[in-house]
C-alpha cells in the first residue's frame, strides 16, 4: 500500500505516527509524511484540505482539540483519525503500540521521547488523562525509549508510580541525560526521590505544577524538601494553570509566589482564555511569564511598556488589569 501519515500539530515527534511508520514499513508499504504544524491554540485558520486519491490509506493524528476539524481528506475512503485532539477513545492496536518508533520520519530531531508510565492518580477537572488513560500504570521500560543522547519522558505523574524510585536509581546509575517535561507532582516529593532527581543528568529546569492556590501548603512543603537538594535559583519551574473562571488575583498570586522564591512560572492557558473578555491580558501575562530572561530581569510594569513601545493604550489596559487584581 501507499500510506499517508498526517501530523496535524505535534510540537515533538509524534509517537503514534512513528509506530505506524514502523508497522507499514515492516509490511512493505511505502509511506509519506505530511506535517501541517498547526498551533495548539485556538485560531481562525481554514481547514487544510488533502486530496488523497493517490494513497491507499491515510492516518491523521491531532493532539490539540482546537484542531479537531482542521484536516479534511478528500478522494479516499480509507481514512483514520486519532489523537487526544480528535477523541479520547481511539487508540493504536496493541500490536502496533508495542512497536519501536521510526525516528527517521522526524530527521530534524535528535532526542528521544516516550512514556514510562501512563495515567494519573489525580482527577484535575481540566485534564483528559484520567479519562483517557485511567490510573497510573506501567507502560514501557525506559531502555526501550532511549535512542538518542537526550531523552524527554512524557509521563503525566511519574512520581505516583510505586516503582519510580527504582527507575530513578537506574537512570542515575546509567547516567541518562533526561527530563520529565510534562512536570512532576510536587505534592509527592520526599527526601529520597528529591535526592535521586538531583543526581540525574537533568536537562534544564525541574518542572512541577501549582495549579490551584488551595494546594499552597503542600506545594510549599514539596519545594522546601526539593530545595535541600537543588538549591540553585531559577532551577525550578511551575506550571500555572489559568482559566477565565479562576479569579485573576489567584493567578497573579501564584506568579508572585514564584517570583519571590526565584522559581520560574509557565502559564498554561485553557483554550477558553481566548474567548474571555480578558484574552488580551492573558496573552500579555503569558508572554511575560513564559520568557524566563524577561521574567527574571524586570517586573510586569516595565515589561508591558517594552512590549508595546508604540501602543501605550494597550500597555495601560493590561497594566490596569494587573494592578487591579495584584
C-alpha atoms as a PDB file:
ATOM      1  CA  UNK A   1       0.000   0.000   0.000  1.00  0.00           C
ATOM      2  CA  UNK A   2       0.894   3.641  -0.343  1.00  0.00           C
ATOM      3  CA  UNK A   3       0.192   5.284   3.016  1.00  0.00           C
ATOM      4  CA  UNK A   4      -0.013   8.960   4.037  1.00  0.00           C
ATOM      5  CA  UNK A   5       0.688   9.875   7.675  1.00  0.00           C
ATOM      6  CA  UNK A   6      -0.561  13.345   8.635  1.00  0.00           C
ATOM      7  CA  UNK A   7       0.831  15.153  11.680  1.00  0.00           C
ATOM      8  CA  UNK A   8      -1.599  17.996  12.339  1.00  0.00           C
ATOM      9  CA  UNK A   9       0.002  19.815  15.248  1.00  0.00           C
ATOM     10  CA  UNK A  10       2.695  17.891  17.144  1.00  0.00           C
ATOM     11  CA  UNK A  11       5.429  20.011  18.688  1.00  0.00           C
ATOM     12  CA  UNK A  12       7.639  16.969  19.169  1.00  0.00           C
ATOM     13  CA  UNK A  13       7.950  13.712  17.190  1.00  0.00           C
ATOM     14  CA  UNK A  14       4.535  12.070  17.129  1.00  0.00           C
ATOM     15  CA  UNK A  15       4.887   8.670  18.814  1.00  0.00           C
ATOM     16  CA  UNK A  16       1.785   7.143  17.223  1.00  0.00           C
ATOM     17  CA  UNK A  17       2.812   8.130  13.705  1.00  0.00           C
ATOM     18  CA  UNK A  18       6.345   6.820  14.238  1.00  0.00           C
ATOM     19  CA  UNK A  19       4.934   3.446  15.332  1.00  0.00           C
ATOM     20  CA  UNK A  20       2.603   3.415  12.328  1.00  0.00           C
ATOM     21  CA  UNK A  21       5.606   4.147  10.118  1.00  0.00           C
ATOM     22  CA  UNK A  22       7.394   1.122  11.578  1.00  0.00           C
ATOM     23  CA  UNK A  23       4.315  -1.060  11.090  1.00  0.00           C
ATOM     24  CA  UNK A  24       3.792  -0.122   7.457  1.00  0.00           C
ATOM     25  CA  UNK A  25       7.471  -0.426   6.562  1.00  0.00           C
ATOM     26  CA  UNK A  26       7.537  -3.912   8.073  1.00  0.00           C
ATOM     27  CA  UNK A  27       4.592  -4.794   5.819  1.00  0.00           C
ATOM     28  CA  UNK A  28       6.454  -3.478   2.797  1.00  0.00           C
ATOM     29  CA  UNK A  29       4.211  -0.433   2.396  1.00  0.00           C
ATOM     30  CA  UNK A  30       5.555   2.906   1.228  1.00  0.00           C
ATOM     31  CA  UNK A  31       4.827   5.958   3.365  1.00  0.00           C
ATOM     32  CA  UNK A  32       4.746   9.703   3.033  1.00  0.00           C
ATOM     33  CA  UNK A  33       4.572  12.092   5.974  1.00  0.00           C
ATOM     34  CA  UNK A  34       2.783  15.445   5.933  1.00  0.00           C
ATOM     35  CA  UNK A  35       3.438  17.876   8.804  1.00  0.00           C
ATOM     36  CA  UNK A  36       0.917  20.713   8.988  1.00  0.00           C
ATOM     37  CA  UNK A  37       2.478  22.435  12.035  1.00  0.00           C
ATOM     38  CA  UNK A  38      -0.797  23.910  13.270  1.00  0.00           C
ATOM     39  CA  UNK A  39      -0.715  25.809  16.550  1.00  0.00           C
ATOM     40  CA  UNK A  40      -2.361  24.197  19.554  1.00  0.00           C
ATOM     41  CA  UNK A  41      -4.032  27.488  20.407  1.00  0.00           C
ATOM     42  CA  UNK A  42      -7.480  28.458  19.105  1.00  0.00           C
ATOM     43  CA  UNK A  43      -7.083  30.116  15.730  1.00  0.00           C
ATOM     44  CA  UNK A  44      -9.085  31.100  12.677  1.00  0.00           C
ATOM     45  CA  UNK A  45      -7.086  29.179  10.103  1.00  0.00           C
ATOM     46  CA  UNK A  46      -9.165  27.447   7.476  1.00  0.00           C
ATOM     47  CA  UNK A  47      -9.153  23.647   7.425  1.00  0.00           C
ATOM     48  CA  UNK A  48      -6.378  22.050   5.426  1.00  0.00           C
ATOM     49  CA  UNK A  49      -7.803  20.023   2.547  1.00  0.00           C
ATOM     50  CA  UNK A  50      -5.851  16.974   1.386  1.00  0.00           C
ATOM     51  CA  UNK A  51      -6.543  15.326  -1.944  1.00  0.00           C
ATOM     52  CA  UNK A  52      -5.588  11.747  -1.101  1.00  0.00           C
ATOM     53  CA  UNK A  53      -6.768   9.810  -4.130  1.00  0.00           C
ATOM     54  CA  UNK A  54      -3.214   8.627  -4.858  1.00  0.00           C
ATOM     55  CA  UNK A  55      -2.968   6.902  -1.453  1.00  0.00           C
ATOM     56  CA  UNK A  56      -4.407   3.575  -0.317  1.00  0.00           C
ATOM     57  CA  UNK A  57      -4.703   4.708   3.320  1.00  0.00           C
ATOM     58  CA  UNK A  58      -4.465   7.927   5.330  1.00  0.00           C
ATOM     59  CA  UNK A  59      -3.817   8.220   9.090  1.00  0.00           C
ATOM     60  CA  UNK A  60      -4.301  11.634  10.698  1.00  0.00           C
ATOM     61  CA  UNK A  61      -3.055  12.407  14.230  1.00  0.00           C
ATOM     62  CA  UNK A  62      -4.318  15.520  16.047  1.00  0.00           C
ATOM     63  CA  UNK A  63      -3.033  16.401  19.518  1.00  0.00           C
ATOM     64  CA  UNK A  64      -4.929  19.598  20.336  1.00  0.00           C
ATOM     65  CA  UNK A  65      -8.722  19.864  20.496  1.00  0.00           C
ATOM     66  CA  UNK A  66      -8.582  23.264  18.773  1.00  0.00           C
ATOM     67  CA  UNK A  67      -7.599  21.416  15.600  1.00  0.00           C
ATOM     68  CA  UNK A  68     -10.153  18.631  15.649  1.00  0.00           C
ATOM     69  CA  UNK A  69     -11.812  19.753  12.426  1.00  0.00           C
ATOM     70  CA  UNK A  70      -8.805  21.329  10.746  1.00  0.00           C
ATOM     71  CA  UNK A  71      -7.982  18.421   8.425  1.00  0.00           C
ATOM     72  CA  UNK A  72     -10.298  17.363   5.597  1.00  0.00           C
ATOM     73  CA  UNK A  73      -9.329  14.361   3.477  1.00  0.00           C
ATOM     74  CA  UNK A  74     -10.936  14.042   0.051  1.00  0.00           C
ATOM     75  CA  UNK A  75     -10.746  11.286  -2.518  1.00  0.00           C
ATOM     76  CA  UNK A  76     -10.142   8.430  -0.085  1.00  0.00           C
ATOM     77  CA  UNK A  77     -12.478   6.170   1.874  1.00  0.00           C
ATOM     78  CA  UNK A  78      -9.714   4.568   3.976  1.00  0.00           C
ATOM     79  CA  UNK A  79      -9.010   7.368   6.462  1.00  0.00           C
ATOM     80  CA  UNK A  80      -8.315   7.021  10.193  1.00  0.00           C
ATOM     81  CA  UNK A  81      -8.328   9.935  12.638  1.00  0.00           C
ATOM     82  CA  UNK A  82      -6.785   9.690  16.092  1.00  0.00           C
ATOM     83  CA  UNK A  83      -5.062  11.566  18.900  1.00  0.00           C
ATOM     84  CA  UNK A  84      -6.336  13.353  22.001  1.00  0.00           C
ATOM     85  CA  UNK A  85      -7.398  16.297  19.852  1.00  0.00           C
ATOM     86  CA  UNK A  86      -9.730  14.011  17.924  1.00  0.00           C
ATOM     87  CA  UNK A  87     -11.250  11.954  20.743  1.00  0.00           C
ATOM     88  CA  UNK A  88     -10.375  10.159  23.987  1.00  0.00           C
ATOM     89  CA  UNK A  89     -11.322   6.690  22.756  1.00  0.00           C
ATOM     90  CA  UNK A  90      -9.400   5.967  19.569  1.00  0.00           C
ATOM     91  CA  UNK A  91      -6.016   4.341  20.155  1.00  0.00           C
ATOM     92  CA  UNK A  92      -3.465   2.231  18.322  1.00  0.00           C
ATOM     93  CA  UNK A  93      -3.996  -1.529  18.319  1.00  0.00           C
ATOM     94  CA  UNK A  94      -1.697  -3.162  20.866  1.00  0.00           C
ATOM     95  CA  UNK A  95       0.321  -4.943  18.161  1.00  0.00           C
ATOM     96  CA  UNK A  96       1.245  -1.535  16.691  1.00  0.00           C
ATOM     97  CA  UNK A  97       1.626   0.255  20.020  1.00  0.00           C
ATOM     98  CA  UNK A  98       4.268  -2.310  21.049  1.00  0.00           C
ATOM     99  CA  UNK A  99       6.488  -1.499  18.055  1.00  0.00           C
ATOM    100  CA  UNK A 100       9.587   0.699  18.132  1.00  0.00           C
ATOM    101  CA  UNK A 101       9.304   4.274  16.916  1.00  0.00           C
ATOM    102  CA  UNK A 102      10.696   5.168  13.496  1.00  0.00           C
ATOM    103  CA  UNK A 103      12.531   8.433  14.161  1.00  0.00           C
ATOM    104  CA  UNK A 104      13.622   8.661  10.525  1.00  0.00           C
ATOM    105  CA  UNK A 105      10.334  10.428   9.725  1.00  0.00           C
ATOM    106  CA  UNK A 106      11.470  13.273  12.037  1.00  0.00           C
ATOM    107  CA  UNK A 107      15.087  13.742  10.907  1.00  0.00           C
ATOM    108  CA  UNK A 108      15.165  17.256  12.346  1.00  0.00           C
ATOM    109  CA  UNK A 109      15.007  15.872  15.913  1.00  0.00           C
ATOM    110  CA  UNK A 110      17.924  14.324  17.790  1.00  0.00           C
ATOM    111  CA  UNK A 111      16.240  13.489  21.109  1.00  0.00           C
ATOM    112  CA  UNK A 112      14.125  10.556  22.273  1.00  0.00           C
ATOM    113  CA  UNK A 113      10.586  10.826  23.639  1.00  0.00           C
ATOM    114  CA  UNK A 114       8.311   8.387  25.395  1.00  0.00           C
ATOM    115  CA  UNK A 115       6.256   7.256  28.362  1.00  0.00           C
ATOM    116  CA  UNK A 116       7.489   5.027  31.168  1.00  0.00           C
ATOM    117  CA  UNK A 117       4.038   5.209  32.756  1.00  0.00           C
ATOM    118  CA  UNK A 118       0.579   6.214  31.595  1.00  0.00           C
ATOM    119  CA  UNK A 119      -2.348   7.576  33.569  1.00  0.00           C
ATOM    120  CA  UNK A 120      -2.580   9.595  36.767  1.00  0.00           C
ATOM    121  CA  UNK A 121      -3.876   9.273  40.327  1.00  0.00           C
ATOM    122  CA  UNK A 122      -5.236  12.830  40.326  1.00  0.00           C
ATOM    123  CA  UNK A 123      -8.570  13.924  38.946  1.00  0.00           C
ATOM    124  CA  UNK A 124      -7.967  17.526  37.904  1.00  0.00           C
ATOM    125  CA  UNK A 125     -11.118  18.873  36.314  1.00  0.00           C
ATOM    126  CA  UNK A 126      -9.277  20.350  33.327  1.00  0.00           C
ATOM    127  CA  UNK A 127      -7.235  17.260  32.427  1.00  0.00           C
ATOM    128  CA  UNK A 128      -8.023  14.497  29.895  1.00  0.00           C
ATOM    129  CA  UNK A 129      -5.517  11.974  31.244  1.00  0.00           C
ATOM    130  CA  UNK A 130      -7.626  10.059  33.826  1.00  0.00           C
ATOM    131  CA  UNK A 131     -10.484   9.617  31.368  1.00  0.00           C
ATOM    132  CA  UNK A 132      -8.230   8.528  28.517  1.00  0.00           C
ATOM    133  CA  UNK A 133      -5.562   6.511  30.344  1.00  0.00           C
ATOM    134  CA  UNK A 134      -7.017   5.672  33.756  1.00  0.00           C
ATOM    135  CA  UNK A 135      -4.995   5.394  36.945  1.00  0.00           C
ATOM    136  CA  UNK A 136      -1.216   5.257  36.920  1.00  0.00           C
ATOM    137  CA  UNK A 137       0.145   2.144  35.244  1.00  0.00           C
ATOM    138  CA  UNK A 138       3.493   0.897  33.991  1.00  0.00           C
ATOM    139  CA  UNK A 139       3.836   1.224  30.239  1.00  0.00           C
ATOM    140  CA  UNK A 140       7.361   0.787  28.826  1.00  0.00           C
ATOM    141  CA  UNK A 141      10.911   0.080  30.013  1.00  0.00           C
ATOM    142  CA  UNK A 142      12.953   3.276  29.862  1.00  0.00           C
ATOM    143  CA  UNK A 143      15.700   1.410  27.991  1.00  0.00           C
ATOM    144  CA  UNK A 144      13.350   0.977  25.027  1.00  0.00           C
ATOM    145  CA  UNK A 145      12.669   4.714  24.976  1.00  0.00           C
ATOM    146  CA  UNK A 146      16.281   5.943  24.955  1.00  0.00           C
ATOM    147  CA  UNK A 147      17.556   6.013  21.377  1.00  0.00           C
ATOM    148  CA  UNK A 148      19.492   9.291  21.453  1.00  0.00           C
ATOM    149  CA  UNK A 149      21.891  11.054  23.815  1.00  0.00           C
ATOM    150  CA  UNK A 150      18.996  13.031  25.310  1.00  0.00           C
ATOM    151  CA  UNK A 151      15.562  11.770  26.323  1.00  0.00           C
ATOM    152  CA  UNK A 152      12.373  13.559  27.328  1.00  0.00           C
ATOM    153  CA  UNK A 153       9.959  11.452  29.356  1.00  0.00           C
ATOM    154  CA  UNK A 154       6.311  12.389  28.792  1.00  0.00           C
ATOM    155  CA  UNK A 155       4.772  10.773  31.899  1.00  0.00           C
ATOM    156  CA  UNK A 156       1.869  12.711  33.364  1.00  0.00           C
ATOM    157  CA  UNK A 157       2.534  11.793  37.002  1.00  0.00           C
ATOM    158  CA  UNK A 158       5.677   9.689  37.200  1.00  0.00           C
ATOM    159  CA  UNK A 159       6.137  10.117  40.975  1.00  0.00           C
ATOM    160  CA  UNK A 160       2.747   8.496  41.592  1.00  0.00           C
ATOM    161  CA  UNK A 161       4.062   5.179  40.263  1.00  0.00           C
ATOM    162  CA  UNK A 162       5.134   2.881  43.113  1.00  0.00           C
ATOM    163  CA  UNK A 163       8.319   1.833  41.345  1.00  0.00           C
ATOM    164  CA  UNK A 164       9.505   5.320  40.412  1.00  0.00           C
ATOM    165  CA  UNK A 165      12.436   5.355  42.846  1.00  0.00           C
ATOM    166  CA  UNK A 166      13.903   2.170  41.410  1.00  0.00           C
ATOM    167  CA  UNK A 167      13.622   3.637  37.910  1.00  0.00           C
ATOM    168  CA  UNK A 168      15.215   6.915  39.009  1.00  0.00           C
ATOM    169  CA  UNK A 169      18.085   4.942  40.552  1.00  0.00           C
ATOM    170  CA  UNK A 170      18.615   3.143  37.236  1.00  0.00           C
ATOM    171  CA  UNK A 171      18.594   6.416  35.309  1.00  0.00           C
ATOM    172  CA  UNK A 172      21.165   7.856  37.717  1.00  0.00           C
ATOM    173  CA  UNK A 173      23.346   4.746  37.543  1.00  0.00           C
ATOM    174  CA  UNK A 174      23.259   4.730  33.749  1.00  0.00           C
ATOM    175  CA  UNK A 175      23.939   8.473  33.533  1.00  0.00           C
ATOM    176  CA  UNK A 176      20.935   9.074  31.289  1.00  0.00           C
ATOM    177  CA  UNK A 177      20.609  12.696  30.226  1.00  0.00           C
ATOM    178  CA  UNK A 178      16.894  13.288  30.667  1.00  0.00           C
ATOM    179  CA  UNK A 179      13.939  15.468  31.602  1.00  0.00           C
ATOM    180  CA  UNK A 180      10.362  14.798  32.741  1.00  0.00           C
ATOM    181  CA  UNK A 181       8.946  17.536  30.585  1.00  0.00           C
ATOM    182  CA  UNK A 182       5.239  17.169  31.438  1.00  0.00           C
ATOM    183  CA  UNK A 183       6.024  18.101  35.017  1.00  0.00           C
ATOM    184  CA  UNK A 184       6.336  16.220  38.299  1.00  0.00           C
ATOM    185  CA  UNK A 185       3.899  16.256  41.216  1.00  0.00           C
ATOM    186  CA  UNK A 186       5.399  18.493  43.910  1.00  0.00           C
ATOM    187  CA  UNK A 187       2.945  17.013  46.447  1.00  0.00           C
ATOM    188  CA  UNK A 188       4.685  13.626  46.091  1.00  0.00           C
ATOM    189  CA  UNK A 189       8.206  14.885  46.753  1.00  0.00           C
ATOM    190  CA  UNK A 190      10.098  13.349  49.657  1.00  0.00           C
ATOM    191  CA  UNK A 191      13.764  13.353  50.609  1.00  0.00           C
ATOM    192  CA  UNK A 192      14.544  10.129  48.790  1.00  0.00           C
ATOM    193  CA  UNK A 193      13.080  10.970  45.376  1.00  0.00           C
ATOM    194  CA  UNK A 194      14.284  14.584  45.635  1.00  0.00           C
ATOM    195  CA  UNK A 195      17.852  13.342  46.119  1.00  0.00           C
ATOM    196  CA  UNK A 196      17.513  10.935  43.205  1.00  0.00           C
ATOM    197  CA  UNK A 197      16.164  13.669  40.945  1.00  0.00           C
ATOM    198  CA  UNK A 198      19.047  15.944  41.916  1.00  0.00           C
ATOM    199  CA  UNK A 199      21.520  13.194  40.981  1.00  0.00           C
ATOM    200  CA  UNK A 200      20.155  12.839  37.444  1.00  0.00           C
ATOM    201  CA  UNK A 201      21.914  14.360  34.469  1.00  0.00           C
ATOM    202  CA  UNK A 202      18.896  16.619  34.184  1.00  0.00           C
ATOM    203  CA  UNK A 203      18.088  18.765  31.151  1.00  0.00           C
ATOM    204  CA  UNK A 204      17.006  22.295  32.012  1.00  0.00           C
ATOM    205  CA  UNK A 205      14.699  23.166  34.871  1.00  0.00           C
ATOM    206  CA  UNK A 206      12.820  20.727  37.078  1.00  0.00           C
ATOM    207  CA  UNK A 207       9.158  21.336  36.321  1.00  0.00           C
ATOM    208  CA  UNK A 208       6.302  20.915  38.788  1.00  0.00           C
ATOM    209  CA  UNK A 209       2.818  22.452  38.935  1.00  0.00           C
ATOM    210  CA  UNK A 210       0.987  24.980  41.104  1.00  0.00           C
ATOM    211  CA  UNK A 211      -2.455  24.812  39.512  1.00  0.00           C
ATOM    212  CA  UNK A 212      -4.583  25.886  42.471  1.00  0.00           C
ATOM    213  CA  UNK A 213      -3.859  28.160  45.433  1.00  0.00           C
ATOM    214  CA  UNK A 214      -5.669  25.708  47.706  1.00  0.00           C
ATOM    215  CA  UNK A 215      -2.625  23.423  47.454  1.00  0.00           C
ATOM    216  CA  UNK A 216      -0.197  26.094  48.629  1.00  0.00           C
ATOM    217  CA  UNK A 217       0.758  24.363  51.885  1.00  0.00           C
ATOM    218  CA  UNK A 218       1.557  21.124  50.083  1.00  0.00           C
ATOM    219  CA  UNK A 219       3.447  22.990  47.365  1.00  0.00           C
ATOM    220  CA  UNK A 220       5.466  24.883  49.975  1.00  0.00           C
ATOM    221  CA  UNK A 221       6.315  21.640  51.728  1.00  0.00           C
ATOM    222  CA  UNK A 222       7.481  19.996  48.497  1.00  0.00           C
ATOM    223  CA  UNK A 223       9.572  22.983  47.483  1.00  0.00           C
ATOM    224  CA  UNK A 224      11.279  23.117  50.891  1.00  0.00           C
ATOM    225  CA  UNK A 225      12.258  19.467  50.584  1.00  0.00           C
ATOM    226  CA  UNK A 226      13.366  19.725  46.977  1.00  0.00           C
ATOM    227  CA  UNK A 227      15.483  22.832  47.552  1.00  0.00           C
ATOM    228  CA  UNK A 228      17.559  20.946  50.101  1.00  0.00           C
ATOM    229  CA  UNK A 229      18.972  19.059  47.123  1.00  0.00           C
ATOM    230  CA  UNK A 230      18.528  21.539  44.250  1.00  0.00           C
ATOM    231  CA  UNK A 231      19.145  24.941  45.783  1.00  0.00           C
ATOM    232  CA  UNK A 232      20.085  26.985  42.703  1.00  0.00           C
ATOM    233  CA  UNK A 233      17.880  29.967  41.938  1.00  0.00           C
ATOM    234  CA  UNK A 234      15.544  29.580  38.950  1.00  0.00           C
ATOM    235  CA  UNK A 235      16.243  25.846  38.647  1.00  0.00           C
ATOM    236  CA  UNK A 236      12.585  25.043  39.385  1.00  0.00           C
ATOM    237  CA  UNK A 237       9.646  25.832  37.130  1.00  0.00           C
ATOM    238  CA  UNK A 238       5.957  25.737  37.984  1.00  0.00           C
ATOM    239  CA  UNK A 239       3.167  25.173  35.504  1.00  0.00           C
ATOM    240  CA  UNK A 240       0.472  27.729  36.366  1.00  0.00           C
ATOM    241  CA  UNK A 241      -2.911  26.681  35.022  1.00  0.00           C
ATOM    242  CA  UNK A 242      -5.133  29.596  34.001  1.00  0.00           C
ATOM    243  CA  UNK A 243      -8.862  29.509  33.267  1.00  0.00           C
ATOM    244  CA  UNK A 244     -11.225  32.502  32.852  1.00  0.00           C
ATOM    245  CA  UNK A 245     -13.367  31.187  35.711  1.00  0.00           C
ATOM    246  CA  UNK A 246     -10.398  31.480  38.062  1.00  0.00           C
ATOM    247  CA  UNK A 247     -10.037  34.739  39.938  1.00  0.00           C
ATOM    248  CA  UNK A 248      -7.253  36.747  38.324  1.00  0.00           C
ATOM    249  CA  UNK A 249      -5.910  37.608  41.766  1.00  0.00           C
ATOM    250  CA  UNK A 250      -5.370  33.871  42.351  1.00  0.00           C
ATOM    251  CA  UNK A 251      -3.378  33.634  39.120  1.00  0.00           C
ATOM    252  CA  UNK A 252      -1.264  36.670  39.947  1.00  0.00           C
ATOM    253  CA  UNK A 253      -0.724  35.418  43.493  1.00  0.00           C
ATOM    254  CA  UNK A 254       0.818  32.197  42.186  1.00  0.00           C
ATOM    255  CA  UNK A 255       3.025  34.133  39.787  1.00  0.00           C
ATOM    256  CA  UNK A 256       4.283  36.433  42.544  1.00  0.00           C
ATOM    257  CA  UNK A 257       4.751  33.393  44.771  1.00  0.00           C
ATOM    258  CA  UNK A 258       7.116  32.019  42.133  1.00  0.00           C
ATOM    259  CA  UNK A 259       8.993  35.273  41.687  1.00  0.00           C
ATOM    260  CA  UNK A 260       9.536  35.716  45.436  1.00  0.00           C
ATOM    261  CA  UNK A 261      11.145  32.259  45.562  1.00  0.00           C
ATOM    262  CA  UNK A 262      13.107  32.624  42.312  1.00  0.00           C
ATOM    263  CA  UNK A 263      11.058  29.900  40.658  1.00  0.00           C
ATOM    264  CA  UNK A 264      10.073  30.230  37.002  1.00  0.00           C
ATOM    265  CA  UNK A 265       6.339  30.176  36.180  1.00  0.00           C
ATOM    266  CA  UNK A 266       4.950  28.842  32.927  1.00  0.00           C
ATOM    267  CA  UNK A 267       1.359  29.848  32.221  1.00  0.00           C
ATOM    268  CA  UNK A 268      -0.750  27.024  30.828  1.00  0.00           C
ATOM    269  CA  UNK A 269      -3.803  28.787  29.421  1.00  0.00           C
ATOM    270  CA  UNK A 270      -7.040  26.905  28.953  1.00  0.00           C
ATOM    271  CA  UNK A 271      -8.306  27.384  25.407  1.00  0.00           C
ATOM    272  CA  UNK A 272     -11.335  29.238  26.814  1.00  0.00           C
ATOM    273  CA  UNK A 273      -8.979  32.105  27.693  1.00  0.00           C
ATOM    274  CA  UNK A 274      -9.097  33.089  24.020  1.00  0.00           C
ATOM    275  CA  UNK A 275     -12.849  33.665  24.299  1.00  0.00           C
ATOM    276  CA  UNK A 276     -12.602  35.620  27.542  1.00  0.00           C
ATOM    277  CA  UNK A 277     -13.105  39.358  27.856  1.00  0.00           C
ATOM    278  CA  UNK A 278      -9.591  39.412  29.316  1.00  0.00           C
ATOM    279  CA  UNK A 279      -7.997  37.443  26.468  1.00  0.00           C
ATOM    280  CA  UNK A 280      -5.561  40.248  25.593  1.00  0.00           C
ATOM    281  CA  UNK A 281      -4.398  40.400  29.197  1.00  0.00           C
ATOM    282  CA  UNK A 282      -3.863  36.631  29.343  1.00  0.00           C
ATOM    283  CA  UNK A 283      -1.763  36.852  26.172  1.00  0.00           C
ATOM    284  CA  UNK A 284       0.407  39.601  27.692  1.00  0.00           C
ATOM    285  CA  UNK A 285       0.733  37.820  31.011  1.00  0.00           C
ATOM    286  CA  UNK A 286       1.769  34.555  29.348  1.00  0.00           C
ATOM    287  CA  UNK A 287       4.274  36.390  27.171  1.00  0.00           C
ATOM    288  CA  UNK A 288       5.826  37.881  30.308  1.00  0.00           C
ATOM    289  CA  UNK A 289       5.901  34.707  32.398  1.00  0.00           C
ATOM    290  CA  UNK A 290       6.936  32.299  29.669  1.00  0.00           C
ATOM    291  CA  UNK A 291      10.106  34.160  28.724  1.00  0.00           C
ATOM    292  CA  UNK A 292      12.499  33.381  31.600  1.00  0.00           C
ATOM    293  CA  UNK A 293      15.074  36.020  30.739  1.00  0.00           C
ATOM    294  CA  UNK A 294      12.463  38.776  30.826  1.00  0.00           C
ATOM    295  CA  UNK A 295      10.604  37.444  33.867  1.00  0.00           C
ATOM    296  CA  UNK A 296      13.784  37.271  35.933  1.00  0.00           C
ATOM    297  CA  UNK A 297      15.015  40.693  34.900  1.00  0.00           C
ATOM    298  CA  UNK A 298      12.007  43.010  35.155  1.00  0.00           C
ATOM    299  CA  UNK A 299       8.572  43.437  36.687  1.00  0.00           C
ATOM    300  CA  UNK A 300       5.349  43.392  34.676  1.00  0.00           C
ATOM    301  CA  UNK A 301       5.116  47.190  34.624  1.00  0.00           C
ATOM    302  CA  UNK A 302       8.495  47.534  32.904  1.00  0.00           C
ATOM    303  CA  UNK A 303       7.845  44.607  30.602  1.00  0.00           C
ATOM    304  CA  UNK A 304       4.467  45.748  29.274  1.00  0.00           C
ATOM    305  CA  UNK A 305       5.797  49.101  28.063  1.00  0.00           C
ATOM    306  CA  UNK A 306       8.717  47.389  26.370  1.00  0.00           C
ATOM    307  CA  UNK A 307       6.262  45.016  24.702  1.00  0.00           C
ATOM    308  CA  UNK A 308       4.146  47.879  23.356  1.00  0.00           C
ATOM    309  CA  UNK A 309       6.501  50.839  22.862  1.00  0.00           C
ATOM    310  CA  UNK A 310       4.189  52.332  20.208  1.00  0.00           C
ATOM    311  CA  UNK A 311       0.861  51.331  21.722  1.00  0.00           C
ATOM    312  CA  UNK A 312       0.677  52.947  25.127  1.00  0.00           C
ATOM    313  CA  UNK A 313      -3.081  52.431  25.425  1.00  0.00           C
ATOM    314  CA  UNK A 314      -2.733  48.648  25.038  1.00  0.00           C
ATOM    315  CA  UNK A 315       0.035  48.635  27.639  1.00  0.00           C
ATOM    316  CA  UNK A 316      -2.028  50.697  30.060  1.00  0.00           C
ATOM    317  CA  UNK A 317      -5.056  48.405  29.686  1.00  0.00           C
ATOM    318  CA  UNK A 318      -3.060  45.317  30.606  1.00  0.00           C
ATOM    319  CA  UNK A 319      -1.297  47.144  33.420  1.00  0.00           C
ATOM    320  CA  UNK A 320      -4.633  48.333  34.825  1.00  0.00           C
ATOM    321  CA  UNK A 321      -5.920  44.761  34.950  1.00  0.00           C
ATOM    322  CA  UNK A 322      -2.697  43.594  36.559  1.00  0.00           C
ATOM    323  CA  UNK A 323      -2.744  46.333  39.202  1.00  0.00           C
ATOM    324  CA  UNK A 324      -6.449  45.875  39.921  1.00  0.00           C
ATOM    325  CA  UNK A 325      -6.007  42.263  40.987  1.00  0.00           C
ATOM    326  CA  UNK A 326      -2.467  42.029  42.341  1.00  0.00           C
END
